Amino acid sequence: EEKEKQRTGIAGLKVGYNRVHGYYIEISRIHSTDVPDNYNR
């Protein structure tokens, strides 16, 4: 999480987990244009 915040410059980036979808990186919609190319929705 800390590494991805520094790489993307998105301070609100979070890494989490739930039983249905597994592990994920969550980014608010206002930063959707800043998502790197290697991020798969």
PDB file of all heavy atoms in Angstrom:
ATOM      1  N   GLU A   1       0.833  -1.212   0.000  1.00  0.00           N
ATOM      2  CA  GLU A   1       0.000   0.000   0.000  1.00  0.00           C
ATOM      3  C   GLU A   1       0.865   1.258   0.000  1.00  0.00           C
ATOM      4  O   GLU A   1       0.608   2.205  -0.754  1.00  0.00           O
ATOM      5  CB  GLU A   1      -0.921  -0.024   1.226  1.00  0.00           C
ATOM      6  CG  GLU A   1      -1.860   1.172   1.303  1.00  0.00           C
ATOM      7  CD  GLU A   1      -2.811   1.074   2.474  1.00  0.00           C
ATOM      8  OE1 GLU A   1      -3.643   0.132   2.491  1.00  0.00           O
ATOM      9  OE2 GLU A   1      -2.726   1.938   3.389  1.00  0.00           O
ATOM     10  N   GLU A   2       1.888   1.269   0.835  1.00  0.00           N
ATOM     11  CA  GLU A   2       2.766   2.441   0.915  1.00  0.00           C
ATOM     12  C   GLU A   2       3.523   2.645  -0.396  1.00  0.00           C
ATOM     13  O   GLU A   2       3.672   3.781  -0.881  1.00  0.00           O
ATOM     14  CB  GLU A   2       3.753   2.258   2.075  1.00  0.00           C
ATOM     15  CG  GLU A   2       4.575   3.491   2.393  1.00  0.00           C
ATOM     16  CD  GLU A   2       3.719   4.677   2.810  1.00  0.00           C
ATOM     17  OE1 GLU A   2       2.657   4.456   3.439  1.00  0.00           O
ATOM     18  OE2 GLU A   2       4.103   5.815   2.485  1.00  0.00           O
ATOM     19  N   LYS A   3       3.970   1.534  -0.994  1.00  0.00           N
ATOM     20  CA  LYS A   3       4.720   1.617  -2.246  1.00  0.00           C
ATOM     21  C   LYS A   3       3.841   2.165  -3.372  1.00  0.00           C
ATOM     22  O   LYS A   3       4.275   3.012  -4.171  1.00  0.00           O
ATOM     23  CB  LYS A   3       5.251   0.230  -2.615  1.00  0.00           C
ATOM     24  CG  LYS A   3       6.112   0.215  -3.877  1.00  0.00           C
ATOM     25  CD  LYS A   3       6.659  -1.175  -4.152  1.00  0.00           C
ATOM     26  CE  LYS A   3       5.569  -2.084  -4.683  1.00  0.00           C
ATOM     27  NZ  LYS A   3       6.123  -3.397  -5.142  1.00  0.00           N
ATOM     28  N   GLU A   4       2.578   1.677  -3.443  1.00  0.00           N
ATOM     29  CA  GLU A   4       1.665   2.117  -4.500  1.00  0.00           C
ATOM     30  C   GLU A   4       1.218   3.565  -4.323  1.00  0.00           C
ATOM     31  O   GLU A   4       0.991   4.289  -5.308  1.00  0.00           O
ATOM     32  CB  GLU A   4       0.450   1.191  -4.569  1.00  0.00           C
ATOM     33  CG  GLU A   4       0.761  -0.213  -5.080  1.00  0.00           C
ATOM     34  CD  GLU A   4       1.355  -0.190  -6.475  1.00  0.00           C
ATOM     35  OE1 GLU A   4       0.753   0.420  -7.389  1.00  0.00           O
ATOM     36  OE2 GLU A   4       2.447  -0.766  -6.662  1.00  0.00           O
ATOM     37  N   LYS A   5       1.118   4.003  -3.075  1.00  0.00           N
ATOM     38  CA  LYS A   5       0.786   5.428  -2.831  1.00  0.00           C
ATOM     39  C   LYS A   5       1.877   6.329  -3.406  1.00  0.00           C
ATOM     40  O   LYS A   5       1.600   7.353  -4.034  1.00  0.00           O
ATOM     41  CB  LYS A   5       0.633   5.675  -1.325  1.00  0.00           C
ATOM     42  CG  LYS A   5      -0.679   5.203  -0.734  1.00  0.00           C
ATOM     43  CD  LYS A   5      -0.719   5.509   0.761  1.00  0.00           C
ATOM     44  CE  LYS A   5      -2.047   5.041   1.369  1.00  0.00           C
ATOM     45  NZ  LYS A   5      -2.099   5.292   2.835  1.00  0.00           N
ATOM     46  N   GLN A   6       3.130   5.917  -3.142  1.00  0.00           N
ATOM     47  CA  GLN A   6       4.249   6.738  -3.635  1.00  0.00           C
ATOM     48  C   GLN A   6       4.353   6.659  -5.157  1.00  0.00           C
ATOM     49  O   GLN A   6       4.650   7.656  -5.819  1.00  0.00           O
ATOM     50  CB  GLN A   6       5.547   6.250  -2.984  1.00  0.00           C
ATOM     51  CG  GLN A   6       5.605   6.492  -1.481  1.00  0.00           C
ATOM     52  CD  GLN A   6       6.888   5.953  -0.850  1.00  0.00           C
ATOM     53  OE1 GLN A   6       7.802   5.519  -1.551  1.00  0.00           O
ATOM     54  NE2 GLN A   6       6.964   6.008   0.480  1.00  0.00           N
ATOM     55  N   ARG A   7       4.102   5.495  -5.726  1.00  0.00           N
ATOM     56  CA  ARG A   7       4.235   5.318  -7.172  1.00  0.00           C
ATOM     57  C   ARG A   7       3.159   6.066  -7.943  1.00  0.00           C
ATOM     58  O   ARG A   7       3.422   6.659  -8.997  1.00  0.00           O
ATOM     59  CB  ARG A   7       4.190   3.832  -7.525  1.00  0.00           C
ATOM     60  CG  ARG A   7       4.478   3.534  -9.001  1.00  0.00           C
ATOM     61  CD  ARG A   7       4.709   2.048  -9.191  1.00  0.00           C
ATOM     62  NE  ARG A   7       3.485   1.290  -9.199  1.00  0.00           N
ATOM     63  CZ  ARG A   7       2.788   0.988 -10.294  1.00  0.00           C
ATOM     64  NH1 ARG A   7       3.201   1.410 -11.475  1.00  0.00           N
ATOM     65  NH2 ARG A   7       1.699   0.266 -10.216  1.00  0.00           N
ATOM     66  N   THR A   8       1.904   6.028  -7.405  1.00  0.00           N
ATOM     67  CA  THR A   8       0.780   6.645  -8.120  1.00  0.00           C
ATOM     68  C   THR A   8       0.523   8.075  -7.680  1.00  0.00           C
ATOM     69  O   THR A   8      -0.140   8.835  -8.403  1.00  0.00           O
ATOM     70  CB  THR A   8      -0.499   5.831  -7.888  1.00  0.00           C
ATOM     71  OG1 THR A   8      -0.818   5.838  -6.482  1.00  0.00           O
ATOM     72  CG2 THR A   8      -0.328   4.402  -8.362  1.00  0.00           C
ATOM     73  N   GLY A   9       1.015   8.451  -6.508  1.00  0.00           N
ATOM     74  CA  GLY A   9       0.733   9.779  -5.985  1.00  0.00           C
ATOM     75  C   GLY A   9      -0.675   9.911  -5.437  1.00  0.00           C
ATOM     76  O   GLY A   9      -1.144  11.027  -5.181  1.00  0.00           O
ATOM     77  N   ILE A  10      -1.385   8.791  -5.249  1.00  0.00           N
ATOM     78  CA  ILE A  10      -2.766   8.820  -4.740  1.00  0.00           C
ATOM     79  C   ILE A  10      -2.716   8.530  -3.229  1.00  0.00           C
ATOM     80  O   ILE A  10      -2.508   7.390  -2.810  1.00  0.00           O
ATOM     81  CB  ILE A  10      -3.641   7.775  -5.454  1.00  0.00           C
ATOM     82  CG1 ILE A  10      -3.632   8.009  -6.973  1.00  0.00           C
ATOM     83  CG2 ILE A  10      -5.070   7.811  -4.910  1.00  0.00           C
ATOM     84  CD1 ILE A  10      -4.345   6.937  -7.763  1.00  0.00           C
ATOM     85  N   ALA A  11      -2.908   9.566  -2.416  1.00  0.00           N
ATOM     86  CA  ALA A  11      -2.774   9.413  -0.956  1.00  0.00           C
ATOM     87  C   ALA A  11      -3.878   8.552  -0.364  1.00  0.00           C
ATOM     88  O   ALA A  11      -3.686   7.882   0.662  1.00  0.00           O
ATOM     89  CB  ALA A  11      -2.771  10.790  -0.288  1.00  0.00           C
ATOM     90  N   GLY A  12      -5.068   8.552  -0.990  1.00  0.00           N
ATOM     91  CA  GLY A  12      -6.196   7.794  -0.441  1.00  0.00           C
ATOM     92  C   GLY A  12      -6.240   6.339  -0.873  1.00  0.00           C
ATOM     93  O   GLY A  12      -7.219   5.631  -0.576  1.00  0.00           O
ATOM     94  N   LEU A  13      -5.238   5.840  -1.550  1.00  0.00           N
ATOM     95  CA  LEU A  13      -5.196   4.445  -2.031  1.00  0.00           C
ATOM     96  C   LEU A  13      -5.165   3.469  -0.839  1.00  0.00           C
ATOM     97  O   LEU A  13      -4.450   3.689   0.137  1.00  0.00           O
ATOM     98  CB  LEU A  13      -3.967   4.254  -2.916  1.00  0.00           C
ATOM     99  CG  LEU A  13      -3.715   2.883  -3.535  1.00  0.00           C
ATOM    100  CD1 LEU A  13      -3.016   3.037  -4.897  1.00  0.00           C
ATOM    101  CD2 LEU A  13      -2.860   2.012  -2.616  1.00  0.00           C
ATOM    102  N   LYS A  14      -5.958   2.430  -0.950  1.00  0.00           N
ATOM    103  CA  LYS A  14      -6.022   1.431   0.121  1.00  0.00           C
ATOM    104  C   LYS A  14      -5.897   0.025  -0.469  1.00  0.00           C
ATOM    105  O   LYS A  14      -6.437  -0.259  -1.548  1.00  0.00           O
ATOM    106  CB  LYS A  14      -7.351   1.524   0.887  1.00  0.00           C
ATOM    107  CG  LYS A  14      -7.558   2.828   1.639  1.00  0.00           C
ATOM    108  CD  LYS A  14      -8.915   2.824   2.344  1.00  0.00           C
ATOM    109  CE  LYS A  14      -9.146   4.140   3.072  1.00  0.00           C
ATOM    110  NZ  LYS A  14     -10.485   4.181   3.726  1.00  0.00           N
ATOM    111  N   VAL A  15      -5.217  -0.860   0.270  1.00  0.00           N
ATOM    112  CA  VAL A  15      -5.159  -2.279  -0.091  1.00  0.00           C
ATOM    113  C   VAL A  15      -6.013  -3.038   0.916  1.00  0.00           C
ATOM    114  O   VAL A  15      -5.865  -2.869   2.139  1.00  0.00           O
ATOM    115  CB  VAL A  15      -3.715  -2.809  -0.067  1.00  0.00           C
ATOM    116  CG1 VAL A  15      -3.695  -4.311  -0.340  1.00  0.00           C
ATOM    117  CG2 VAL A  15      -2.862  -2.066  -1.085  1.00  0.00           C
ATOM    118  N   GLY A  16      -6.958  -3.871   0.428  1.00  0.00           N
ATOM    119  CA  GLY A  16      -7.870  -4.580   1.325  1.00  0.00           C
ATOM    120  C   GLY A  16      -8.182  -5.990   0.841  1.00  0.00           C
ATOM    121  O   GLY A  16      -7.611  -6.468  -0.151  1.00  0.00           O
ATOM    122  N   TYR A  17      -9.147  -6.616   1.534  1.00  0.00           N
ATOM    123  CA  TYR A  17      -9.506  -8.010   1.210  1.00  0.00           C
ATOM    124  C   TYR A  17     -10.947  -8.253   1.622  1.00  0.00           C
ATOM    125  O   TYR A  17     -11.410  -7.748   2.661  1.00  0.00           O
ATOM    126  CB  TYR A  17      -8.589  -8.977   1.965  1.00  0.00           C
ATOM    127  CG  TYR A  17      -9.040 -10.419   1.915  1.00  0.00           C
ATOM    128  CD1 TYR A  17      -8.767 -11.217   0.812  1.00  0.00           C
ATOM    129  CD2 TYR A  17      -9.773 -10.987   2.971  1.00  0.00           C
ATOM    130  CE1 TYR A  17      -9.183 -12.546   0.757  1.00  0.00           C
ATOM    131  CE2 TYR A  17     -10.203 -12.306   2.926  1.00  0.00           C
ATOM    132  CZ  TYR A  17      -9.913 -13.082   1.825  1.00  0.00           C
ATOM    133  OH  TYR A  17     -10.336 -14.380   1.769  1.00  0.00           O
ATOM    134  N   ASN A  18     -11.685  -8.967   0.800  1.00  0.00           N
ATOM    135  CA  ASN A  18     -12.962  -9.532   1.256  1.00  0.00           C
ATOM    136  C   ASN A  18     -13.092 -10.944   0.696  1.00  0.00           C
ATOM    137  O   ASN A  18     -12.394 -11.326  -0.253  1.00  0.00           O
ATOM    138  CB  ASN A  18     -14.165  -8.651   0.888  1.00  0.00           C
ATOM    139  CG  ASN A  18     -14.436  -8.590  -0.606  1.00  0.00           C
ATOM    140  OD1 ASN A  18     -14.224  -9.558  -1.343  1.00  0.00           O
ATOM    141  ND2 ASN A  18     -14.912  -7.439  -1.066  1.00  0.00           N
ATOM    142  N   ARG A  19     -13.980 -11.725   1.313  1.00  0.00           N
ATOM    143  CA  ARG A  19     -14.064 -13.150   0.985  1.00  0.00           C
ATOM    144  C   ARG A  19     -14.584 -13.410  -0.419  1.00  0.00           C
ATOM    145  O   ARG A  19     -14.278 -14.434  -1.025  1.00  0.00           O
ATOM    146  CB  ARG A  19     -14.970 -13.859   2.001  1.00  0.00           C
ATOM    147  CG  ARG A  19     -14.367 -13.941   3.389  1.00  0.00           C
ATOM    148  CD  ARG A  19     -15.231 -14.801   4.289  1.00  0.00           C
ATOM    149  NE  ARG A  19     -14.624 -14.947   5.614  1.00  0.00           N
ATOM    150  CZ  ARG A  19     -15.155 -15.696   6.589  1.00  0.00           C
ATOM    151  NH1 ARG A  19     -16.289 -16.344   6.383  1.00  0.00           N
ATOM    152  NH2 ARG A  19     -14.542 -15.784   7.749  1.00  0.00           N
ATOM    153  N   VAL A  20     -15.379 -12.469  -0.938  1.00  0.00           N
ATOM    154  CA  VAL A  20     -15.988 -12.680  -2.255  1.00  0.00           C
ATOM    155  C   VAL A  20     -14.997 -12.391  -3.374  1.00  0.00           C
ATOM    156  O   VAL A  20     -14.802 -13.197  -4.288  1.00  0.00           O
ATOM    157  CB  VAL A  20     -17.249 -11.813  -2.415  1.00  0.00           C
ATOM    158  CG1 VAL A  20     -17.832 -11.984  -3.816  1.00  0.00           C
ATOM    159  CG2 VAL A  20     -18.271 -12.173  -1.349  1.00  0.00           C
ATOM    160  N   HIS A  21     -14.351 -11.210  -3.321  1.00  0.00           N
ATOM    161  CA  HIS A  21     -13.502 -10.780  -4.428  1.00  0.00           C
ATOM    162  C   HIS A  21     -12.016 -10.937  -4.147  1.00  0.00           C
ATOM    163  O   HIS A  21     -11.189 -10.688  -5.024  1.00  0.00           O
ATOM    164  CB  HIS A  21     -13.813  -9.318  -4.770  1.00  0.00           C
ATOM    165  CG  HIS A  21     -15.196  -9.109  -5.292  1.00  0.00           C
ATOM    166  ND1 HIS A  21     -16.254  -8.739  -4.481  1.00  0.00           N
ATOM    167  CD2 HIS A  21     -15.721  -9.247  -6.550  1.00  0.00           C
ATOM    168  CE1 HIS A  21     -17.359  -8.642  -5.203  1.00  0.00           C
ATOM    169  NE2 HIS A  21     -17.066  -8.953  -6.467  1.00  0.00           N
ATOM    170  N   GLY A  22     -11.652 -11.310  -2.938  1.00  0.00           N
ATOM    171  CA  GLY A  22     -10.243 -11.502  -2.619  1.00  0.00           C
ATOM    172  C   GLY A  22      -9.545 -10.188  -2.329  1.00  0.00           C
ATOM    173  O   GLY A  22     -10.143  -9.231  -1.830  1.00  0.00           O
ATOM    174  N   TYR A  23      -8.239 -10.105  -2.664  1.00  0.00           N
ATOM    175  CA  TYR A  23      -7.427  -8.909  -2.390  1.00  0.00           C
ATOM    176  C   TYR A  23      -7.633  -7.876  -3.497  1.00  0.00           C
ATOM    177  O   TYR A  23      -7.861  -8.226  -4.673  1.00  0.00           O
ATOM    178  CB  TYR A  23      -5.948  -9.290  -2.291  1.00  0.00           C
ATOM    179  CG  TYR A  23      -5.639 -10.101  -1.054  1.00  0.00           C
ATOM    180  CD1 TYR A  23      -5.653 -11.490  -1.092  1.00  0.00           C
ATOM    181  CD2 TYR A  23      -5.352  -9.463   0.146  1.00  0.00           C
ATOM    182  CE1 TYR A  23      -5.382 -12.232   0.054  1.00  0.00           C
ATOM    183  CE2 TYR A  23      -5.089 -10.198   1.296  1.00  0.00           C
ATOM    184  CZ  TYR A  23      -5.105 -11.586   1.238  1.00  0.00           C
ATOM    185  OH  TYR A  23      -4.853 -12.304   2.366  1.00  0.00           O
ATOM    186  N   TYR A  24      -7.538  -6.583  -3.120  1.00  0.00           N
ATOM    187  CA  TYR A  24      -7.802  -5.516  -4.095  1.00  0.00           C
ATOM    188  C   TYR A  24      -7.079  -4.239  -3.668  1.00  0.00           C
ATOM    189  O   TYR A  24      -6.653  -4.078  -2.519  1.00  0.00           O
ATOM    190  CB  TYR A  24      -9.301  -5.237  -4.190  1.00  0.00           C
ATOM    191  CG  TYR A  24      -9.938  -4.876  -2.861  1.00  0.00           C
ATOM    192  CD1 TYR A  24      -9.867  -3.564  -2.367  1.00  0.00           C
ATOM    193  CD2 TYR A  24     -10.584  -5.838  -2.095  1.00  0.00           C
ATOM    194  CE1 TYR A  24     -10.435  -3.232  -1.153  1.00  0.00           C
ATOM    195  CE2 TYR A  24     -11.150  -5.522  -0.886  1.00  0.00           C
ATOM    196  CZ  TYR A  24     -11.074  -4.206  -0.405  1.00  0.00           C
ATOM    197  OH  TYR A  24     -11.618  -3.889   0.806  1.00  0.00           O
ATOM    198  N   ILE A  25      -6.940  -3.351  -4.645  1.00  0.00           N
ATOM    199  CA  ILE A  25      -6.468  -1.984  -4.390  1.00  0.00           C
ATOM    200  C   ILE A  25      -7.644  -1.062  -4.664  1.00  0.00           C
ATOM    201  O   ILE A  25      -8.195  -1.057  -5.778  1.00  0.00           O
ATOM    202  CB  ILE A  25      -5.276  -1.617  -5.296  1.00  0.00           C
ATOM    203  CG1 ILE A  25      -4.079  -2.537  -4.996  1.00  0.00           C
ATOM    204  CG2 ILE A  25      -4.887  -0.148  -5.116  1.00  0.00           C
ATOM    205  CD1 ILE A  25      -2.920  -2.345  -5.953  1.00  0.00           C
ATOM    206  N   GLU A  26      -8.038  -0.264  -3.687  1.00  0.00           N
ATOM    207  CA  GLU A  26      -9.226   0.601  -3.820  1.00  0.00           C
ATOM    208  C   GLU A  26      -8.794   2.049  -4.016  1.00  0.00           C
ATOM    209  O   GLU A  26      -7.975   2.578  -3.248  1.00  0.00           O
ATOM    210  CB  GLU A  26     -10.109   0.468  -2.582  1.00  0.00           C
ATOM    211  CG  GLU A  26     -11.407   1.263  -2.686  1.00  0.00           C
ATOM    212  CD  GLU A  26     -12.326   1.027  -1.498  1.00  0.00           C
ATOM    213  OE1 GLU A  26     -12.810  -0.119  -1.374  1.00  0.00           O
ATOM    214  OE2 GLU A  26     -12.532   1.976  -0.708  1.00  0.00           O
ATOM    215  N   ILE A  27      -9.400   2.685  -5.042  1.00  0.00           N
ATOM    216  CA  ILE A  27      -9.106   4.085  -5.370  1.00  0.00           C
ATOM    217  C   ILE A  27     -10.432   4.806  -5.570  1.00  0.00           C
ATOM    218  O   ILE A  27     -11.332   4.295  -6.245  1.00  0.00           O
ATOM    219  CB  ILE A  27      -8.232   4.189  -6.642  1.00  0.00           C
ATOM    220  CG1 ILE A  27      -6.890   3.491  -6.412  1.00  0.00           C
ATOM    221  CG2 ILE A  27      -8.034   5.637  -7.058  1.00  0.00           C
ATOM    222  CD1 ILE A  27      -6.009   3.458  -7.641  1.00  0.00           C
ATOM    223  N   SER A  28     -10.555   5.987  -4.985  1.00  0.00           N
ATOM    224  CA  SER A  28     -11.796   6.749  -5.141  1.00  0.00           C
ATOM    225  C   SER A  28     -11.942   7.203  -6.600  1.00  0.00           C
ATOM    226  O   SER A  28     -10.955   7.327  -7.337  1.00  0.00           O
ATOM    227  CB  SER A  28     -11.795   7.971  -4.209  1.00  0.00           C
ATOM    228  OG  SER A  28     -10.761   8.866  -4.577  1.00  0.00           O
ATOM    229  N   ARG A  29     -13.190   7.475  -6.999  1.00  0.00           N
ATOM    230  CA  ARG A  29     -13.479   7.793  -8.404  1.00  0.00           C
ATOM    231  C   ARG A  29     -12.816   9.102  -8.868  1.00  0.00           C
ATOM    232  O   ARG A  29     -12.515   9.265 -10.051  1.00  0.00           O
ATOM    233  CB  ARG A  29     -14.979   7.882  -8.628  1.00  0.00           C
ATOM    234  CG  ARG A  29     -15.643   6.515  -8.620  1.00  0.00           C
ATOM    235  CD  ARG A  29     -17.055   6.589  -9.146  1.00  0.00           C
ATOM    236  NE  ARG A  29     -17.587   5.246  -9.330  1.00  0.00           N
ATOM    237  CZ  ARG A  29     -18.148   4.827 -10.442  1.00  0.00           C
ATOM    238  NH1 ARG A  29     -18.221   5.619 -11.483  1.00  0.00           N
ATOM    239  NH2 ARG A  29     -18.636   3.609 -10.525  1.00  0.00           N
ATOM    240  N   ILE A  30     -12.587   9.989  -7.943  1.00  0.00           N
ATOM    241  CA  ILE A  30     -11.996  11.276  -8.333  1.00  0.00           C
ATOM    242  C   ILE A  30     -10.557  11.110  -8.832  1.00  0.00           C
ATOM    243  O   ILE A  30     -10.010  11.977  -9.497  1.00  0.00           O
ATOM    244  CB  ILE A  30     -12.049  12.292  -7.180  1.00  0.00           C
ATOM    245  CG1 ILE A  30     -11.272  11.752  -5.976  1.00  0.00           C
ATOM    246  CG2 ILE A  30     -13.485  12.607  -6.794  1.00  0.00           C
ATOM    247  CD1 ILE A  30     -11.169  12.783  -4.833  1.00  0.00           C
ATOM    248  N   HIS A  31      -9.946   9.938  -8.486  1.00  0.00           N
ATOM    249  CA  HIS A  31      -8.574   9.676  -8.946  1.00  0.00           C
ATOM    250  C   HIS A  31      -8.536   8.616 -10.049  1.00  0.00           C
ATOM    251  O   HIS A  31      -7.475   8.055 -10.343  1.00  0.00           O
ATOM    252  CB  HIS A  31      -7.710   9.188  -7.771  1.00  0.00           C
ATOM    253  CG  HIS A  31      -7.492  10.218  -6.714  1.00  0.00           C
ATOM    254  ND1 HIS A  31      -6.687  11.326  -6.903  1.00  0.00           N
ATOM    255  CD2 HIS A  31      -7.979  10.317  -5.440  1.00  0.00           C
ATOM    256  CE1 HIS A  31      -6.676  12.064  -5.800  1.00  0.00           C
ATOM    257  NE2 HIS A  31      -7.462  11.467  -4.886  1.00  0.00           N
ATOM    258  N   SER A  32      -9.706   8.321 -10.659  1.00  0.00           N
ATOM    259  CA  SER A  32      -9.777   7.247 -11.653  1.00  0.00           C
ATOM    260  C   SER A  32      -8.883   7.517 -12.865  1.00  0.00           C
ATOM    261  O   SER A  32      -8.416   6.585 -13.523  1.00  0.00           O
ATOM    262  CB  SER A  32     -11.229   7.044 -12.111  1.00  0.00           C
ATOM    263  OG  SER A  32     -11.734   8.250 -12.654  1.00  0.00           O
ATOM    264  N   THR A  33      -8.631   8.808 -13.176  1.00  0.00           N
ATOM    265  CA  THR A  33      -7.772   9.116 -14.325  1.00  0.00           C
ATOM    266  C   THR A  33      -6.302   8.894 -14.018  1.00  0.00           C
ATOM    267  O   THR A  33      -5.466   8.886 -14.936  1.00  0.00           O
ATOM    268  CB  THR A  33      -7.994  10.577 -14.741  1.00  0.00           C
ATOM    269  OG1 THR A  33      -7.727  11.433 -13.625  1.00  0.00           O
ATOM    270  CG2 THR A  33      -9.419  10.798 -15.238  1.00  0.00           C
ATOM    271  N   ASP A  34      -5.967   8.732 -12.740  1.00  0.00           N
ATOM    272  CA  ASP A  34      -4.562   8.558 -12.342  1.00  0.00           C
ATOM    273  C   ASP A  34      -4.159   7.100 -12.188  1.00  0.00           C
ATOM    274  O   ASP A  34      -3.043   6.808 -11.763  1.00  0.00           O
ATOM    275  CB  ASP A  34      -4.305   9.274 -11.005  1.00  0.00           C
ATOM    276  CG  ASP A  34      -4.606  10.765 -11.088  1.00  0.00           C
ATOM    277  OD1 ASP A  34      -4.343  11.345 -12.153  1.00  0.00           O
ATOM    278  OD2 ASP A  34      -5.097  11.310 -10.085  1.00  0.00           O
ATOM    279  N   VAL A  35      -5.087   6.157 -12.533  1.00  0.00           N
ATOM    280  CA  VAL A  35      -4.813   4.723 -12.346  1.00  0.00           C
ATOM    281  C   VAL A  35      -3.755   4.259 -13.340  1.00  0.00           C
ATOM    282  O   VAL A  35      -3.876   4.521 -14.545  1.00  0.00           O
ATOM    283  CB  VAL A  35      -6.113   3.906 -12.539  1.00  0.00           C
ATOM    284  CG1 VAL A  35      -5.802   2.417 -12.526  1.00  0.00           C
ATOM    285  CG2 VAL A  35      -7.112   4.261 -11.456  1.00  0.00           C
ATOM    286  N   PRO A  36      -2.692   3.570 -12.872  1.00  0.00           N
ATOM    287  CA  PRO A  36      -1.644   3.069 -13.785  1.00  0.00           C
ATOM    288  C   PRO A  36      -2.192   2.021 -14.753  1.00  0.00           C
ATOM    289  O   PRO A  36      -3.230   1.404 -14.513  1.00  0.00           O
ATOM    290  CB  PRO A  36      -0.618   2.450 -12.829  1.00  0.00           C
ATOM    291  CG  PRO A  36      -0.875   3.094 -11.506  1.00  0.00           C
ATOM    292  CD  PRO A  36      -2.345   3.353 -11.459  1.00  0.00           C
ATOM    293  N   ASP A  37      -1.441   1.788 -15.823  1.00  0.00           N
ATOM    294  CA  ASP A  37      -1.879   0.852 -16.867  1.00  0.00           C
ATOM    295  C   ASP A  37      -1.930  -0.599 -16.383  1.00  0.00           C
ATOM    296  O   ASP A  37      -2.696  -1.404 -16.926  1.00  0.00           O
ATOM    297  CB  ASP A  37      -0.942   0.950 -18.078  1.00  0.00           C
ATOM    298  CG  ASP A  37      -1.060   2.306 -18.771  1.00  0.00           C
ATOM    299  OD1 ASP A  37      -2.097   2.956 -18.591  1.00  0.00           O
ATOM    300  OD2 ASP A  37      -0.092   2.690 -19.453  1.00  0.00           O
ATOM    301  N   ASN A  38      -1.089  -0.949 -15.400  1.00  0.00           N
ATOM    302  CA  ASN A  38      -1.047  -2.359 -14.968  1.00  0.00           C
ATOM    303  C   ASN A  38      -2.120  -2.683 -13.933  1.00  0.00           C
ATOM    304  O   ASN A  38      -2.132  -3.773 -13.365  1.00  0.00           O
ATOM    305  CB  ASN A  38       0.332  -2.715 -14.420  1.00  0.00           C
ATOM    306  CG  ASN A  38       0.651  -2.003 -13.103  1.00  0.00           C
ATOM    307  OD1 ASN A  38       0.168  -0.900 -12.874  1.00  0.00           O
ATOM    308  ND2 ASN A  38       1.454  -2.645 -12.274  1.00  0.00           N
ATOM    309  N   TYR A  39      -3.031  -1.739 -13.646  1.00  0.00           N
ATOM    310  CA  TYR A  39      -4.149  -1.973 -12.736  1.00  0.00           C
ATOM    311  C   TYR A  39      -5.320  -2.558 -13.533  1.00  0.00           C
ATOM    312  O   TYR A  39      -5.775  -1.940 -14.502  1.00  0.00           O
ATOM    313  CB  TYR A  39      -4.598  -0.668 -12.071  1.00  0.00           C
ATOM    314  CG  TYR A  39      -3.800  -0.290 -10.828  1.00  0.00           C
ATOM    315  CD1 TYR A  39      -2.425  -0.488 -10.770  1.00  0.00           C
ATOM    316  CD2 TYR A  39      -4.431   0.287  -9.728  1.00  0.00           C
ATOM    317  CE1 TYR A  39      -1.693  -0.127  -9.651  1.00  0.00           C
ATOM    318  CE2 TYR A  39      -3.708   0.656  -8.602  1.00  0.00           C
ATOM    319  CZ  TYR A  39      -2.336   0.451  -8.565  1.00  0.00           C
ATOM    320  OH  TYR A  39      -1.618   0.811  -7.457  1.00  0.00           O
ATOM    321  N   ASN A  40      -5.785  -3.731 -13.152  1.00  0.00           N
ATOM    322  CA  ASN A  40      -6.946  -4.351 -13.798  1.00  0.00           C
ATOM    323  C   ASN A  40      -8.166  -4.228 -12.891  1.00  0.00           C
ATOM    324  O   ASN A  40      -8.106  -4.573 -11.697  1.00  0.00           O
ATOM    325  CB  ASN A  40      -6.664  -5.833 -14.080  1.00  0.00           C
ATOM    326  CG  ASN A  40      -5.499  -6.016 -15.036  1.00  0.00           C
ATOM    327  OD1 ASN A  40      -5.460  -5.376 -16.082  1.00  0.00           O
ATOM    328  ND2 ASN A  40      -4.531  -6.865 -14.659  1.00  0.00           N
ATOM    329  N   ARG A  41      -9.270  -3.714 -13.464  1.00  0.00           N
ATOM    330  CA  ARG A  41     -10.471  -3.464 -12.666  1.00  0.00           C
ATOM    331  C   ARG A  41     -11.043  -4.788 -12.141  1.00  0.00           C
ATOM    332  O   ARG A  41     -11.223  -5.743 -12.877  1.00  0.00           O
ATOM    333  CB  ARG A  41     -11.512  -2.723 -13.488  1.00  0.00           C
ATOM    334  CG  ARG A  41     -12.763  -2.336 -12.669  1.00  0.00           C
ATOM    335  CD  ARG A  41     -13.717  -1.483 -13.482  1.00  0.00           C
ATOM    336  NE  ARG A  41     -13.259  -0.097 -13.576  1.00  0.00           N
ATOM    337  CZ  ARG A  41     -12.659   0.426 -14.644  1.00  0.00           C
ATOM    338  NH1 ARG A  41     -12.450  -0.332 -15.714  1.00  0.00           N
ATOM    339  NH2 ARG A  41     -12.262   1.673 -14.663  1.00  0.00           N
TER     340      ARG A  41
END
